[in-house]
Amino acid sequence: INLAGNAIKFTESGEVILSLKLLSREDDQLELEFRVKDTGIGIAESQLAHIFDGFRQAESSTARRYGGSGLGLAISQRLVHQMGGELKVLSEPGKGSEFYFNLPCQLAEERDWHSLP
């Protein structure tokens, strides 16, 4: 949710694309790819190494203009890591950013669902 919210916040015009792709399936084990791509302001290459650090934003002018604490990406990275993935980013200033990660997942057992009266 944080990645999508950031994409919307930093894209004044253009588009934000959320995608989910099944990469592999073996029995009840899946590997899913999640992507959030935008045509927003982008991030300078010199800033990319630090965007997952807590309390950091790409630039101080970005913090003033768009707000935020600089914690969202650090938390997102930790959550993805705890679920067995790695959060990565591609970005170009003025053209946008793409955040993506793969996660191993297990299919849930099928259940009969009953409606409440």
Foldseek 3Di string as FASTA:
>chain_A
DLLQVVQVLQAPDDDWDWDKDWPDDDPQKTKIKIKIKHQGQWADPVQQVPLLPFQDDRDPVCCVVRNDRSHSNVVVQVVQVVQPKGWDKDTDGNGIIMIMMMGMDGHDDDDDDDDDD
